[in-house]
Amino acid sequence: MNPQARSWYPFAGLFIAASLSLPAAADPAALETARRLLVDNNPKQAYMALIGLQDRLAGTIEYDYLLGVASLDSGKIDDA
């Protein structure tokens, strides 16, 4: 392999690292909406809003916490 072709390797690592951190910052408005629903004592609606984001945000701390609280407060003990 020629040296010029390998010159992009360090950038590939940066791209992968940056893309792994994207879910943490994804859709802060949706997380704020769910948080507001929990504060307003509407955990079932918060759960429904959060479960729709599971494919994109599962594994992020804030999302997992809010989903756990919404699950617990809406009676979905197994999901919590």
N, C-alpha and C. Protein backbone atom coordinates (compact mmCIF):
# COMPACT_ATOMS: atom_id res chain seq x y z
N MET A 1 0.86 -1.18 0.00
CA MET A 1 0.00 0.00 0.00
C MET A 1 0.90 1.24 0.00
N ASN A 2 0.52 2.20 -0.77
CA ASN A 2 1.38 3.38 -0.86
C ASN A 2 1.18 4.28 0.37
N PRO A 3 2.20 5.05 0.74
CA PRO A 3 2.12 5.87 1.97
C PRO A 3 1.02 6.91 1.95
N GLN A 4 0.69 7.44 0.78
CA GLN A 4 -0.38 8.44 0.72
C GLN A 4 -1.73 7.84 1.06
N ALA A 5 -1.96 6.60 0.70
CA ALA A 5 -3.23 5.94 1.00
C ALA A 5 -3.40 5.75 2.50
N ARG A 6 -2.29 5.56 3.23
CA ARG A 6 -2.37 5.36 4.67
C ARG A 6 -2.44 6.66 5.45
N SER A 7 -2.29 7.78 4.80
CA SER A 7 -2.28 9.05 5.51
C SER A 7 -3.64 9.42 6.10
N TRP A 8 -4.70 8.80 5.68
CA TRP A 8 -6.03 9.10 6.22
C TRP A 8 -6.36 8.26 7.45
N TYR A 9 -5.55 7.27 7.79
CA TYR A 9 -5.84 6.38 8.93
C TYR A 9 -6.09 7.13 10.24
N PRO A 10 -5.25 8.10 10.61
CA PRO A 10 -5.52 8.82 11.88
C PRO A 10 -6.87 9.53 11.86
N PHE A 11 -7.26 10.02 10.70
CA PHE A 11 -8.55 10.71 10.60
C PHE A 11 -9.72 9.75 10.71
N ALA A 12 -9.52 8.52 10.30
CA ALA A 12 -10.58 7.51 10.43
C ALA A 12 -10.88 7.27 11.91
N GLY A 13 -9.84 7.23 12.73
CA GLY A 13 -10.04 7.05 14.17
C GLY A 13 -10.79 8.22 14.79
N LEU A 14 -10.46 9.42 14.36
CA LEU A 14 -11.16 10.60 14.87
C LEU A 14 -12.62 10.60 14.44
N PHE A 15 -12.87 10.21 13.20
CA PHE A 15 -14.24 10.14 12.71
C PHE A 15 -15.06 9.13 13.50
N ILE A 16 -14.50 7.98 13.76
CA ILE A 16 -15.20 6.94 14.52
C ILE A 16 -15.47 7.42 15.94
N ALA A 17 -14.48 8.03 16.58
CA ALA A 17 -14.67 8.53 17.94
C ALA A 17 -15.74 9.61 17.99
N ALA A 18 -15.75 10.50 17.01
CA ALA A 18 -16.75 11.56 16.98
C ALA A 18 -18.14 11.00 16.74
N SER A 19 -18.26 10.02 15.88
CA SER A 19 -19.58 9.47 15.59
C SER A 19 -20.12 8.67 16.76
N LEU A 20 -19.26 8.10 17.58
CA LEU A 20 -19.73 7.37 18.75
C LEU A 20 -20.27 8.32 19.82
N SER A 21 -19.82 9.54 19.83
CA SER A 21 -20.28 10.49 20.84
C SER A 21 -21.55 11.23 20.41
N LEU A 22 -21.98 11.08 19.18
CA LEU A 22 -23.16 11.80 18.69
C LEU A 22 -24.45 11.47 19.43
N PRO A 23 -24.74 10.21 19.77
CA PRO A 23 -26.01 9.95 20.44
C PRO A 23 -26.18 10.71 21.74
N ALA A 24 -25.11 11.01 22.43
CA ALA A 24 -25.22 11.72 23.69
C ALA A 24 -25.78 13.13 23.49
N ALA A 25 -25.51 13.71 22.34
CA ALA A 25 -25.97 15.07 22.09
C ALA A 25 -27.21 15.10 21.20
N ALA A 26 -27.68 13.93 20.81
CA ALA A 26 -28.79 13.87 19.87
C ALA A 26 -30.11 14.22 20.54
N ASP A 27 -30.84 15.10 19.93
CA ASP A 27 -32.22 15.44 20.29
C ASP A 27 -32.40 15.88 21.75
N PRO A 28 -31.71 16.93 22.17
CA PRO A 28 -31.88 17.42 23.54
C PRO A 28 -33.30 17.91 23.80
N ALA A 29 -33.99 18.38 22.76
CA ALA A 29 -35.37 18.86 22.94
C ALA A 29 -36.29 17.72 23.33
N ALA A 30 -36.09 16.56 22.75
CA ALA A 30 -36.92 15.39 23.08
C ALA A 30 -36.68 14.95 24.52
N LEU A 31 -35.43 14.99 24.95
CA LEU A 31 -35.13 14.62 26.34
C LEU A 31 -35.72 15.64 27.31
N GLU A 32 -35.67 16.90 26.94
CA GLU A 32 -36.26 17.93 27.79
C GLU A 32 -37.78 17.78 27.86
N THR A 33 -38.41 17.41 26.76
CA THR A 33 -39.86 17.17 26.75
C THR A 33 -40.20 16.02 27.69
N ALA A 34 -39.44 14.94 27.62
CA ALA A 34 -39.68 13.79 28.50
C ALA A 34 -39.47 14.18 29.96
N ARG A 35 -38.42 14.95 30.23
CA ARG A 35 -38.15 15.41 31.60
C ARG A 35 -39.31 16.26 32.11
N ARG A 36 -39.82 17.13 31.27
CA ARG A 36 -40.95 18.00 31.65
C ARG A 36 -42.20 17.17 31.92
N LEU A 37 -42.43 16.15 31.11
CA LEU A 37 -43.59 15.27 31.33
C LEU A 37 -43.47 14.55 32.67
N LEU A 38 -42.27 14.14 33.03
CA LEU A 38 -42.08 13.48 34.32
C LEU A 38 -42.33 14.45 35.47
N VAL A 39 -41.84 15.67 35.33
CA VAL A 39 -42.06 16.69 36.36
C VAL A 39 -43.56 16.98 36.50
N ASP A 40 -44.27 16.98 35.38
CA ASP A 40 -45.71 17.25 35.38
C ASP A 40 -46.54 16.02 35.75
N ASN A 41 -45.87 14.98 36.25
CA ASN A 41 -46.53 13.75 36.70
C ASN A 41 -47.29 13.05 35.57
N ASN A 42 -46.65 12.92 34.42
CA ASN A 42 -47.23 12.22 33.30
C ASN A 42 -46.23 11.19 32.77
N PRO A 43 -45.91 10.16 33.59
CA PRO A 43 -44.87 9.22 33.21
C PRO A 43 -45.23 8.35 32.01
N LYS A 44 -46.51 8.04 31.82
CA LYS A 44 -46.88 7.20 30.68
C LYS A 44 -46.59 7.90 29.35
N GLN A 45 -46.89 9.18 29.29
CA GLN A 45 -46.61 9.93 28.06
C GLN A 45 -45.10 10.10 27.88
N ALA A 46 -44.38 10.29 28.98
CA ALA A 46 -42.92 10.39 28.90
C ALA A 46 -42.33 9.08 28.40
N TYR A 47 -42.85 7.98 28.91
CA TYR A 47 -42.38 6.66 28.46
C TYR A 47 -42.60 6.49 26.97
N MET A 48 -43.78 6.85 26.48
CA MET A 48 -44.08 6.70 25.06
C MET A 48 -43.17 7.59 24.21
N ALA A 49 -42.87 8.79 24.70
CA ALA A 49 -41.98 9.68 23.96
C ALA A 49 -40.56 9.12 23.92
N LEU A 50 -40.12 8.55 25.03
CA LEU A 50 -38.75 8.04 25.11
C LEU A 50 -38.56 6.73 24.36
N ILE A 51 -39.53 5.86 24.41
CA ILE A 51 -39.37 4.55 23.79
C ILE A 51 -39.19 4.69 22.28
N GLY A 52 -39.74 5.75 21.70
CA GLY A 52 -39.56 6.00 20.28
C GLY A 52 -38.14 6.42 19.91
N LEU A 53 -37.37 6.83 20.90
CA LEU A 53 -35.99 7.26 20.68
C LEU A 53 -34.96 6.18 20.99
N GLN A 54 -35.44 5.02 21.36
CA GLN A 54 -34.56 3.97 21.86
C GLN A 54 -33.48 3.57 20.85
N ASP A 55 -33.83 3.48 19.58
CA ASP A 55 -32.83 3.08 18.58
C ASP A 55 -31.68 4.07 18.49
N ARG A 56 -31.95 5.35 18.70
CA ARG A 56 -30.92 6.37 18.56
C ARG A 56 -30.19 6.68 19.86
N LEU A 57 -30.87 6.59 21.00
CA LEU A 57 -30.28 7.11 22.23
C LEU A 57 -29.98 6.07 23.30
N ALA A 58 -30.37 4.83 23.08
CA ALA A 58 -30.10 3.80 24.09
C ALA A 58 -28.60 3.74 24.37
N GLY A 59 -28.27 3.70 25.63
CA GLY A 59 -26.87 3.66 26.04
C GLY A 59 -26.33 4.99 26.51
N THR A 60 -27.05 6.07 26.24
CA THR A 60 -26.62 7.36 26.77
C THR A 60 -27.17 7.49 28.19
N ILE A 61 -26.41 8.08 29.06
CA ILE A 61 -26.75 8.11 30.48
C ILE A 61 -28.07 8.84 30.73
N GLU A 62 -28.22 10.01 30.18
CA GLU A 62 -29.43 10.80 30.44
C GLU A 62 -30.67 10.10 29.91
N TYR A 63 -30.58 9.56 28.70
CA TYR A 63 -31.72 8.86 28.11
C TYR A 63 -32.08 7.63 28.95
N ASP A 64 -31.09 6.82 29.28
CA ASP A 64 -31.36 5.60 30.05
C ASP A 64 -31.98 5.92 31.40
N TYR A 65 -31.50 6.98 32.05
CA TYR A 65 -32.06 7.37 33.34
C TYR A 65 -33.52 7.79 33.20
N LEU A 66 -33.79 8.67 32.23
CA LEU A 66 -35.17 9.14 32.05
C LEU A 66 -36.10 7.99 31.67
N LEU A 67 -35.64 7.10 30.82
CA LEU A 67 -36.47 5.95 30.44
C LEU A 67 -36.72 5.05 31.64
N GLY A 68 -35.72 4.86 32.48
CA GLY A 68 -35.89 4.05 33.68
C GLY A 68 -36.90 4.65 34.64
N VAL A 69 -36.82 5.96 34.85
CA VAL A 69 -37.77 6.64 35.74
C VAL A 69 -39.17 6.59 35.16
N ALA A 70 -39.30 6.86 33.86
CA ALA A 70 -40.61 6.83 33.21
C ALA A 70 -41.20 5.42 33.26
N SER A 71 -40.37 4.42 33.05
CA SER A 71 -40.84 3.04 33.11
C SER A 71 -41.34 2.69 34.51
N LEU A 72 -40.54 3.01 35.50
CA LEU A 72 -40.89 2.70 36.88
C LEU A 72 -42.16 3.43 37.31
N ASP A 73 -42.23 4.73 37.01
CA ASP A 73 -43.38 5.52 37.43
C ASP A 73 -44.67 5.20 36.67
N SER A 74 -44.53 4.60 35.49
CA SER A 74 -45.73 4.23 34.73
C SER A 74 -46.12 2.78 34.92
N GLY A 75 -45.45 2.10 35.86
CA GLY A 75 -45.82 0.73 36.20
C GLY A 75 -45.18 -0.34 35.33
N LYS A 76 -44.24 0.01 34.49
CA LYS A 76 -43.55 -0.95 33.64
C LYS A 76 -42.27 -1.41 34.36
N ILE A 77 -42.49 -2.14 35.43
CA ILE A 77 -41.39 -2.53 36.32
C ILE A 77 -40.33 -3.35 35.58
N ASP A 78 -40.75 -4.27 34.71
CA ASP A 78 -39.80 -5.10 33.98
C ASP A 78 -38.91 -4.27 33.05
N ASP A 79 -39.44 -3.21 32.48
CA ASP A 79 -38.67 -2.35 31.59
C ASP A 79 -37.71 -1.46 32.37
N ALA A 80 -38.08 -1.13 33.60
CA ALA A 80 -37.24 -0.24 34.41
C ALA A 80 -35.95 -0.95 34.77
